[in-house]
């Protein structure tokens, strides 16, 4: 059900543009993975998170690499931090899983006659602003805004069932720009007049919250944006399309793959890549980003909403989602001693290794790769184990 769709770059900002997604293929996925394993080696040296420092190191004496029939590597016997915010290895995998869950949930709901709205909240921001307080504002925006008697009336008029929200962070010429994307799930198709009234009311409500918190007035029309979500129909097995943008799942969860609109804006992982290349200003920004996002919830469903929309899809943790990368029907397996594997992790070369194994299995010539990288087949491991036992 959940495949490595590997979305490409989109425009940075409130919405992505499906036209900016380039042709997909294994070469692009392999390049992205090799790159993120490389920058992870730098990030381990600066992170304050113990789980992030340990991520992808061996958790025992042996690490197993399985190559699936789709020629995608799955690694077991290693630690995973599961961070959707700051781990270049785990974040793309976790976010892709969440994006596909959202698309599946919304498409099924829309296909059965339900409706949805994609609502974005964004406050004014300036270069001198710290990230942490504005990130806190966005994490609480639904709770602080959707209250009171008027909201109760809107809930009835909309047939509001609940929401799924994600906080996204970018950085541009005006500094940090955290904003909240949320999918409002409705019992039926939204009525235009009600949606128009809702947007105006949400703007005033959210502006009141910003003023009370000392963040100033909102900028029209960017403070609150409300768009419809429609069934993608023939665009794929399941897609829920946001008016003027990507699928709802990609809009919510895959901010990590967006690129600049032309205003100098960057995603956090583009900042990380620059920091790993030696840019000291980017290194300072990355440290602030890691501290501000540590321990924060990335994606949140209204109580009971996910279970209602996805009753047959198991709910797994971010760590479990990260550990499932590449899992499938196994075509070939090989093993690495934990000590050998940890040297490769420290060097940041595990992404290249996995790419070579995938290609070698596809070409039918994997023994040379194992010899160069210090891996073993299961048969060789049995012989090695016996010899080690006799020696010791």
Protein backbone atom coordinates (compact mmCIF):
# COMPACT_ATOMS: atom_id res chain seq x y z
CA UNK A 1 0.00 0.00 0.00
CA UNK A 2 2.71 2.49 0.98
CA UNK A 3 5.35 2.87 -1.71
CA UNK A 4 8.43 5.12 -1.89
CA UNK A 5 6.79 7.65 -4.15
CA UNK A 6 9.78 9.99 -3.89
CA UNK A 7 8.13 13.33 -4.74
CA UNK A 8 10.37 15.88 -6.35
CA UNK A 9 10.91 19.52 -5.62
CA UNK A 10 8.04 21.97 -5.39
CA UNK A 11 7.70 25.67 -4.96
CA UNK A 12 8.46 26.86 -1.46
CA UNK A 13 5.65 28.67 0.27
CA UNK A 14 2.04 28.09 1.18
CA UNK A 15 1.46 25.56 -1.56
CA UNK A 16 3.44 23.30 -3.83
CA UNK A 17 2.80 23.06 -7.53
CA UNK A 18 2.28 19.62 -9.00
CA UNK A 19 3.79 20.83 -12.27
CA UNK A 20 7.15 21.22 -10.55
CA UNK A 21 7.44 17.51 -9.70
CA UNK A 22 9.95 16.05 -12.18
CA UNK A 23 9.87 12.60 -13.71
CA UNK A 24 10.42 9.98 -11.06
CA UNK A 25 12.75 7.00 -11.12
CA UNK A 26 15.15 4.90 -9.06
CA UNK A 27 18.15 7.10 -9.90
CA UNK A 28 16.55 10.13 -8.21
CA UNK A 29 15.59 8.10 -5.11
CA UNK A 30 19.10 6.61 -4.87
CA UNK A 31 20.74 10.04 -5.20
CA UNK A 32 18.51 11.55 -2.51
CA UNK A 33 19.24 8.70 -0.10
CA UNK A 34 23.00 8.81 -0.67
CA UNK A 35 22.91 12.55 -0.03
CA UNK A 36 20.92 12.31 3.20
CA UNK A 37 23.21 9.61 4.60
CA UNK A 38 26.16 11.87 3.87
CA UNK A 39 24.78 14.95 5.66
CA UNK A 40 23.64 12.75 8.55
CA UNK A 41 27.30 12.17 9.40
CA UNK A 42 27.70 15.93 9.94
CA UNK A 43 24.40 16.30 11.80
CA UNK A 44 25.36 13.60 14.32
CA UNK A 45 28.27 15.72 15.41
CA UNK A 46 26.15 18.75 16.32
CA UNK A 47 22.81 17.36 17.47
CA UNK A 48 21.91 17.42 21.17
CA UNK A 49 19.61 14.41 20.73
CA UNK A 50 21.09 11.08 21.85
CA UNK A 51 18.66 9.08 19.69
CA UNK A 52 19.63 11.14 16.65
CA UNK A 53 23.35 10.57 17.28
CA UNK A 54 22.75 6.81 17.47
CA UNK A 55 20.47 6.69 14.42
CA UNK A 56 21.50 4.00 11.90
CA UNK A 57 24.32 2.66 14.06
CA UNK A 58 24.15 -1.08 14.76
CA UNK A 59 21.88 -2.08 17.62
CA UNK A 60 23.53 -5.51 17.94
CA UNK A 61 26.42 -7.61 16.63
CA UNK A 62 24.95 -8.08 13.14
CA UNK A 63 23.20 -5.76 10.67
CA UNK A 64 21.04 -7.33 7.97
CA UNK A 65 20.36 -5.77 4.56
CA UNK A 66 17.50 -7.21 2.52
CA UNK A 67 17.02 -6.24 -1.12
CA UNK A 68 13.39 -6.52 -2.15
CA UNK A 69 12.03 -7.63 -5.51
CA UNK A 70 11.61 -3.91 -6.26
CA UNK A 71 15.40 -3.57 -5.74
CA UNK A 72 15.02 -1.37 -2.66
CA UNK A 73 17.18 -1.99 0.42
CA UNK A 74 15.71 -2.60 3.86
CA UNK A 75 18.09 -2.43 6.83
CA UNK A 76 17.39 -4.15 10.15
CA UNK A 77 19.49 -4.43 13.29
CA UNK A 78 20.10 -0.67 13.51
CA UNK A 79 18.81 2.19 15.65
CA UNK A 80 16.24 4.65 14.24
CA UNK A 81 15.47 7.99 15.86
CA UNK A 82 12.31 8.44 13.76
CA UNK A 83 12.51 12.25 13.82
CA UNK A 84 10.31 13.81 11.11
CA UNK A 85 11.87 17.20 11.87
CA UNK A 86 15.63 16.91 11.89
CA UNK A 87 16.91 13.50 10.83
CA UNK A 88 17.89 13.44 7.14
CA UNK A 89 17.62 9.63 7.13
CA UNK A 90 14.32 9.16 8.99
CA UNK A 91 12.39 12.31 8.09
CA UNK A 92 11.74 11.62 4.37
CA UNK A 93 10.55 8.08 5.15
CA UNK A 94 8.29 9.11 8.04
CA UNK A 95 6.86 12.08 6.15
CA UNK A 96 6.13 10.00 3.06
CA UNK A 97 4.27 7.45 5.18
CA UNK A 98 2.19 10.21 6.78
CA UNK A 99 1.50 11.89 3.43
CA UNK A 100 0.18 8.67 1.96
CA UNK A 101 -1.96 8.01 5.04
CA UNK A 102 -3.54 11.46 4.70
CA UNK A 103 -4.15 11.00 0.98
CA UNK A 104 -5.70 7.59 1.52
CA UNK A 105 -7.93 8.84 4.35
CA UNK A 106 -9.16 11.91 2.50
CA UNK A 107 -9.62 10.19 -0.84
CA UNK A 108 -11.72 7.47 0.74
CA UNK A 109 -13.80 10.07 2.58
CA UNK A 110 -14.27 12.22 -0.52
CA UNK A 111 -15.12 9.18 -2.60
CA UNK A 112 -17.95 8.31 -0.23
CA UNK A 113 -19.51 11.78 -0.54
CA UNK A 114 -17.64 13.65 2.20
CA UNK A 115 -15.88 16.97 1.87
CA UNK A 116 -12.74 18.73 2.98
CA UNK A 117 -11.01 22.09 3.27
CA UNK A 118 -7.29 22.83 3.30
CA UNK A 119 -6.62 25.67 5.74
CA UNK A 120 -3.25 27.42 6.18
CA UNK A 121 -2.38 29.80 9.03
CA UNK A 122 0.67 32.11 8.81
CA UNK A 123 1.71 35.08 10.96
CA UNK A 124 3.93 38.03 10.10
CA UNK A 125 7.62 37.32 10.67
CA UNK A 126 10.86 39.28 10.63
CA UNK A 127 14.52 38.40 10.33
CA UNK A 128 15.21 39.18 14.00
CA UNK A 129 12.45 36.86 15.27
CA UNK A 130 13.36 33.69 17.16
CA UNK A 131 11.85 30.50 15.80
CA UNK A 132 10.71 28.83 19.04
CA UNK A 133 7.86 31.18 20.12
CA UNK A 134 6.37 31.34 16.61
CA UNK A 135 6.62 27.59 16.28
CA UNK A 136 4.71 27.26 19.56
CA UNK A 137 2.05 29.61 18.17
CA UNK A 138 1.56 27.43 15.10
CA UNK A 139 1.48 24.22 17.10
CA UNK A 140 -1.44 25.58 19.14
CA UNK A 141 -3.28 27.47 16.38
CA UNK A 142 -6.26 25.13 15.99
CA UNK A 143 -6.78 24.84 19.73
CA UNK A 144 -6.54 28.60 20.26
CA UNK A 145 -8.65 29.58 17.23
CA UNK A 146 -11.43 26.99 16.97
CA UNK A 147 -13.30 27.98 20.10
CA UNK A 148 -16.42 29.85 21.18
CA UNK A 149 -20.07 30.07 20.23
CA UNK A 150 -19.43 31.23 16.65
CA UNK A 151 -17.18 28.24 16.00
CA UNK A 152 -19.93 25.95 17.31
CA UNK A 153 -22.27 27.44 14.69
CA UNK A 154 -19.67 26.98 11.95
CA UNK A 155 -19.14 23.37 12.98
CA UNK A 156 -22.83 22.65 12.41
CA UNK A 157 -22.96 24.59 9.13
CA UNK A 158 -19.85 22.84 7.82
CA UNK A 159 -20.57 19.38 9.17
CA UNK A 160 -17.09 19.54 10.74
CA UNK A 161 -15.79 16.12 11.83
CA UNK A 162 -12.25 17.03 12.84
CA UNK A 163 -8.89 18.01 11.40
CA UNK A 164 -5.39 16.81 10.66
CA UNK A 165 -2.69 19.44 11.11
CA UNK A 166 1.01 19.75 10.39
CA UNK A 167 3.42 22.58 11.20
CA UNK A 168 5.91 23.43 8.44
CA UNK A 169 9.02 25.61 8.78
CA UNK A 170 10.88 27.50 6.07
CA UNK A 171 13.48 30.28 6.14
CA UNK A 172 13.64 33.27 3.78
CA UNK A 173 14.72 36.89 3.53
CA UNK A 174 12.28 37.73 6.36
CA UNK A 175 13.69 35.04 8.63
CA UNK A 176 11.92 31.98 9.99
CA UNK A 177 8.46 31.28 8.58
CA UNK A 178 6.61 28.59 10.55
CA UNK A 179 3.06 28.01 9.33
CA UNK A 180 0.29 25.52 9.98
CA UNK A 181 -1.37 23.42 7.28
CA UNK A 182 -4.58 21.67 8.29
CA UNK A 183 -7.14 19.49 6.52
CA UNK A 184 -10.67 20.08 7.83
CA UNK A 185 -12.75 16.94 7.31
CA UNK A 186 -16.43 17.62 6.62
CA UNK A 187 -19.48 15.35 6.48
CA UNK A 188 -20.47 16.68 3.03
CA UNK A 189 -19.29 19.00 0.29
CA UNK A 190 -18.67 22.55 1.57
CA UNK A 191 -21.00 25.38 0.53
CA UNK A 192 -19.21 28.36 -1.03
CA UNK A 193 -20.93 31.03 1.09
CA UNK A 194 -20.15 29.15 4.30
CA UNK A 195 -16.49 28.74 3.31
CA UNK A 196 -16.21 32.44 2.48
CA UNK A 197 -17.70 33.36 5.86
CA UNK A 198 -15.38 30.88 7.57
CA UNK A 199 -12.25 32.38 6.03
CA UNK A 200 -13.19 35.86 7.19
CA UNK A 201 -13.99 34.68 10.70
CA UNK A 202 -10.80 32.59 10.97
CA UNK A 203 -8.73 35.58 9.89
CA UNK A 204 -10.18 37.78 12.63
CA UNK A 205 -9.92 35.03 15.24
CA UNK A 206 -6.31 34.19 14.40
CA UNK A 207 -5.36 37.87 14.25
CA UNK A 208 -6.75 38.27 17.75
CA UNK A 209 -4.59 35.37 18.95
CA UNK A 210 -1.49 36.89 17.31
CA UNK A 211 -2.13 40.30 18.85
CA UNK A 212 -2.58 38.85 22.33
CA UNK A 213 0.69 36.93 21.95
CA UNK A 214 2.56 40.02 20.74
CA UNK A 215 3.03 38.91 17.13
CA UNK A 216 1.27 41.86 15.48
CA UNK A 217 -1.45 42.03 12.86
CA UNK A 218 -1.85 39.60 9.98
CA UNK A 219 -1.16 40.34 6.34
CA UNK A 220 -4.05 39.89 3.93
CA UNK A 221 -4.56 37.58 2.15
CA UNK A 222 -1.77 35.43 3.57
CA UNK A 223 -2.74 35.20 7.24
CA UNK A 224 -5.42 32.58 6.66
CA UNK A 225 -6.02 30.74 3.39
CA UNK A 226 -8.90 28.31 2.84
CA UNK A 227 -9.11 26.05 -0.22
CA UNK A 228 -11.25 23.12 -1.19
CA UNK A 229 -10.02 19.54 -1.40
CA UNK A 230 -11.34 17.43 -4.28
CA UNK A 231 -11.19 13.79 -5.27
CA UNK A 232 -8.34 13.19 -7.70
CA UNK A 233 -10.30 10.60 -9.66
CA UNK A 234 -8.15 9.15 -12.40
CA UNK A 235 -4.88 10.72 -11.21
CA UNK A 236 -3.90 7.59 -9.29
CA UNK A 237 -5.03 4.89 -6.91
CA UNK A 238 -5.72 7.54 -4.30
CA UNK A 239 -5.13 11.27 -4.48
CA UNK A 240 -6.82 14.15 -2.73
CA UNK A 241 -6.04 17.33 -4.61
CA UNK A 242 -5.76 20.78 -3.02
CA UNK A 243 -6.99 23.57 -5.29
CA UNK A 244 -3.91 25.10 -6.91
CA UNK A 245 -1.40 22.71 -5.37
CA UNK A 246 -0.31 19.16 -4.65
CA UNK A 247 -2.26 16.38 -3.08
CA UNK A 248 -3.40 17.13 0.45
CA UNK A 249 -0.99 14.54 1.85
CA UNK A 250 2.01 16.09 0.11
CA UNK A 251 0.95 19.59 1.13
CA UNK A 252 0.66 18.51 4.75
CA UNK A 253 3.64 16.24 5.21
CA UNK A 254 6.31 16.77 2.54
CA UNK A 255 7.56 20.29 3.22
CA UNK A 256 11.03 18.74 3.37
CA UNK A 257 11.18 18.43 -0.44
CA UNK A 258 10.12 21.96 -1.35
CA UNK A 259 12.60 24.40 -2.88
CA UNK A 260 12.77 28.17 -3.18
CA UNK A 261 10.14 30.26 -4.96
CA UNK A 262 12.81 32.82 -5.83
CA UNK A 263 12.74 34.90 -2.64
CA UNK A 264 15.77 33.21 -1.13
CA UNK A 265 13.59 30.81 0.85
CA UNK A 266 14.97 27.49 2.03
CA UNK A 267 13.65 24.35 3.65
CA UNK A 268 15.36 23.14 6.85
CA UNK A 269 17.09 20.31 5.01
CA UNK A 270 18.53 22.66 2.41
CA UNK A 271 19.92 24.61 5.38
CA UNK A 272 21.38 21.37 6.74
CA UNK A 273 23.07 20.55 3.42
CA UNK A 274 24.67 24.01 3.36
CA UNK A 275 25.77 23.64 6.99
CA UNK A 276 27.33 20.25 6.26
CA UNK A 277 29.23 21.87 3.39
CA UNK A 278 30.88 24.31 5.78
CA UNK A 279 28.56 27.35 5.81
CA UNK A 280 28.72 28.70 9.37
CA UNK A 281 25.58 30.86 9.08
CA UNK A 282 23.57 27.84 7.99
CA UNK A 283 25.07 25.81 10.85
CA UNK A 284 23.76 28.40 13.34
CA UNK A 285 20.32 28.33 11.74
CA UNK A 286 20.24 24.54 11.83
CA UNK A 287 21.12 24.46 15.53
CA UNK A 288 18.28 26.88 16.29
CA UNK A 289 15.87 24.79 14.21
CA UNK A 290 16.83 21.55 15.98
CA UNK A 291 16.42 23.07 19.43
CA UNK A 292 13.06 24.65 18.56
CA UNK A 293 11.53 21.50 17.05
CA UNK A 294 12.88 18.99 19.58
CA UNK A 295 10.03 17.08 21.22
CA UNK A 296 7.33 18.79 19.12
CA UNK A 297 4.51 16.83 17.48
CA UNK A 298 4.84 16.90 13.70
CA UNK A 299 1.38 15.67 12.69
CA UNK A 300 -1.74 15.60 14.84
CA UNK A 301 -5.22 14.18 14.15
CA UNK A 302 -8.35 15.19 16.04
CA UNK A 303 -9.19 12.45 18.58
CA UNK A 304 -10.74 9.44 16.84
CA UNK A 305 -10.60 10.95 13.33
CA UNK A 306 -7.78 8.81 11.94
CA UNK A 307 -9.39 5.61 13.23
CA UNK A 308 -12.68 6.65 11.63
CA UNK A 309 -11.14 7.38 8.23
CA UNK A 310 -8.52 4.60 8.20
CA UNK A 311 -10.08 1.74 10.18
CA UNK A 312 -8.03 -0.95 8.42
CA UNK A 313 -4.64 0.81 8.34
CA UNK A 314 -2.42 0.08 11.33
CA UNK A 315 -1.25 3.14 13.22
CA UNK A 316 2.51 2.94 13.75
CA UNK A 317 4.99 5.21 15.49
CA UNK A 318 7.48 7.45 13.67
CA UNK A 319 10.29 5.10 14.69
CA UNK A 320 8.42 2.11 13.27
CA UNK A 321 7.72 4.02 10.05
CA UNK A 322 11.41 4.87 9.66
CA UNK A 323 12.46 1.28 10.31
CA UNK A 324 10.09 -0.01 7.62
CA UNK A 325 11.91 1.75 4.76
CA UNK A 326 12.31 -0.64 1.84
CA UNK A 327 10.46 -3.56 3.48
CA UNK A 328 9.01 -5.95 0.92
CA UNK A 329 9.35 -9.39 -0.60
CA UNK A 330 13.02 -10.28 -0.13
CA UNK A 331 15.09 -11.15 -3.18
CA UNK A 332 18.56 -11.14 -1.58
CA UNK A 333 19.97 -10.78 1.94
CA UNK A 334 23.42 -10.02 3.25
CA UNK A 335 24.98 -9.36 6.65
CA UNK A 336 27.50 -6.96 8.15
CA UNK A 337 29.34 -7.15 11.44
CA UNK A 338 28.15 -4.37 13.70
CA UNK A 339 31.66 -2.93 14.03
CA UNK A 340 32.14 -2.86 10.25
CA UNK A 341 28.73 -1.26 9.76
CA UNK A 342 29.40 1.43 12.34
CA UNK A 343 32.58 2.50 10.53
CA UNK A 344 30.53 2.98 7.35
CA UNK A 345 27.87 4.93 9.26
CA UNK A 346 30.49 7.23 10.76
CA UNK A 347 31.89 7.90 7.29
CA UNK A 348 28.40 8.66 5.94
CA UNK A 349 28.85 6.08 3.18
CA UNK A 350 25.95 3.73 3.98
CA UNK A 351 23.71 5.40 1.39
CA UNK A 352 26.27 4.69 -1.34
CA UNK A 353 26.65 1.11 -0.10
CA UNK A 354 22.90 0.48 -0.26
CA UNK A 355 22.74 1.94 -3.76
CA UNK A 356 25.56 -0.34 -4.93
CA UNK A 357 23.85 -3.38 -3.42
CA UNK A 358 20.56 -2.55 -5.14
CA UNK A 359 22.26 -2.18 -8.49
CA UNK A 360 24.42 -5.28 -8.02
CA UNK A 361 21.46 -7.47 -7.11
CA UNK A 362 19.65 -6.18 -10.17
CA UNK A 363 22.68 -7.02 -12.34
CA UNK A 364 23.20 -10.41 -10.68
CA UNK A 365 26.73 -9.59 -9.46
CA UNK A 366 26.71 -8.82 -5.75
CA UNK A 367 29.71 -10.75 -4.37
CA UNK A 368 32.22 -8.15 -5.53
CA UNK A 369 30.27 -5.42 -3.73
CA UNK A 370 30.19 -7.45 -0.50
CA UNK A 371 33.90 -8.08 -0.69
CA UNK A 372 34.70 -4.39 -1.15
CA UNK A 373 32.38 -3.24 1.65
CA UNK A 374 33.00 -6.02 4.15
CA UNK A 375 29.64 -7.77 3.88
CA UNK A 376 28.80 -11.48 3.96
CA UNK A 377 26.15 -13.75 2.57
CA UNK A 378 24.27 -15.79 5.14
CA UNK A 379 26.26 -18.87 4.12
CA UNK A 380 29.55 -17.03 4.61
CA UNK A 381 28.30 -15.78 7.96
CA UNK A 382 27.73 -19.33 9.20
CA UNK A 383 31.32 -20.25 8.24
CA UNK A 384 32.66 -17.05 9.80
CA UNK A 385 30.73 -17.70 13.01
CA UNK A 386 32.10 -21.22 13.33
CA UNK A 387 35.64 -20.06 12.70
CA UNK A 388 35.28 -17.26 15.23
CA UNK A 389 33.90 -19.67 17.84
CA UNK A 390 36.80 -22.07 17.33
CA UNK A 391 39.34 -19.22 17.48
CA UNK A 392 37.93 -17.76 20.67
